[in-house]
Amino acid sequence: MPAEIVWPVYVRVGDHPEAHFGDLALTATGADGGLRLDVTECRARFAEFLRAAADVLENPSEDAEEVPDAAADG
């Protein structure tokens, strides 16, 4: 069984609470036994996270605070 190191990754944007982005797993594979990061999985998780963030921004909950438009201030 290959060795594996799993790190949870959390992201915080501005003053909002941090959110669990996902886990990065380094797996020992190959003849040299070196640790490798599955870049494809990392990209897929990051894209999923960004889609969820965009959905929240486009469809805020009713209790979300409105941010004033800076352009309207002059």
Protein backbone atom coordinates (compact mmCIF):
# COMPACT_ATOMS: atom_id res chain seq x y z
CA MET A 1 0.00 0.00 0.00
CA PRO A 2 1.48 3.40 -0.95
CA ALA A 3 2.20 5.98 1.72
CA GLU A 4 -0.10 9.00 1.74
CA ILE A 5 -0.14 12.39 3.46
CA VAL A 6 -3.46 14.27 3.50
CA TRP A 7 -3.67 17.99 4.34
CA PRO A 8 -7.00 19.74 4.84
CA VAL A 9 -7.08 23.13 3.09
CA TYR A 10 -9.19 26.02 4.33
CA VAL A 11 -9.77 29.31 2.49
CA ARG A 12 -10.80 32.65 3.97
CA VAL A 13 -11.87 35.59 1.80
CA GLY A 14 -11.98 39.01 3.44
CA ASP A 15 -13.72 39.06 6.82
CA HIS A 16 -15.81 35.98 6.07
CA PRO A 17 -15.28 32.79 8.05
CA GLU A 18 -12.98 30.24 6.51
CA ALA A 19 -14.44 27.41 4.45
CA HIS A 20 -13.09 23.93 3.90
CA PHE A 21 -11.69 23.95 0.36
CA GLY A 22 -10.86 20.28 0.32
CA ASP A 23 -7.92 18.03 1.01
CA LEU A 24 -4.60 17.79 -0.80
CA ALA A 25 -3.20 14.29 -0.84
CA LEU A 26 0.44 13.49 -1.50
CA THR A 27 0.88 9.87 -2.44
CA ALA A 28 4.12 7.90 -2.65
CA THR A 29 4.11 6.29 -6.07
CA GLY A 30 6.63 5.13 -8.60
CA ALA A 31 9.92 3.33 -8.27
CA ASP A 32 11.57 6.18 -6.35
CA GLY A 33 8.81 6.29 -3.71
CA GLY A 34 8.65 10.08 -4.01
CA LEU A 35 5.53 11.96 -2.99
CA ARG A 36 3.32 13.23 -5.82
CA LEU A 37 0.43 15.69 -5.81
CA ASP A 38 -2.53 14.73 -7.99
CA VAL A 39 -2.75 18.00 -9.92
CA THR A 40 -5.86 16.92 -11.81
CA GLU A 41 -7.73 16.31 -8.55
CA CYS A 42 -6.46 19.61 -7.15
CA ARG A 43 -7.71 21.54 -10.19
CA ALA A 44 -11.08 19.79 -10.07
CA ARG A 45 -11.54 20.62 -6.37
CA PHE A 46 -10.51 24.25 -6.93
CA ALA A 47 -12.96 24.61 -9.83
CA GLU A 48 -15.73 23.08 -7.70
CA PHE A 49 -14.94 25.53 -4.88
CA LEU A 50 -15.00 28.53 -7.25
CA ARG A 51 -18.33 27.43 -8.76
CA ALA A 52 -19.86 27.17 -5.28
CA ALA A 53 -18.47 30.61 -4.35
CA ALA A 54 -19.88 32.12 -7.55
CA ASP A 55 -23.27 30.57 -6.82
CA VAL A 56 -23.31 32.19 -3.37
CA LEU A 57 -22.32 35.56 -4.85
CA GLU A 58 -24.97 35.37 -7.59
CA ASN A 59 -27.70 34.03 -5.29
CA PRO A 60 -27.12 35.45 -1.80
CA SER A 61 -29.29 34.29 1.06
CA GLU A 62 -31.99 36.63 2.35
CA ASP A 63 -29.99 37.44 5.48
CA ALA A 64 -26.84 38.44 3.56
CA GLU A 65 -25.78 42.06 3.92
CA GLU A 66 -25.78 44.25 0.83
CA VAL A 67 -22.43 45.82 -0.03
CA PRO A 68 -22.72 49.45 -1.14
CA ASP A 69 -21.66 50.17 -4.72
CA ALA A 70 -18.39 52.12 -4.52
CA ALA A 71 -18.91 53.58 -8.01
CA ALA A 72 -22.17 55.18 -6.90
CA ASP A 73 -20.35 57.14 -4.19
CA GLY A 74 -18.63 59.35 -6.69
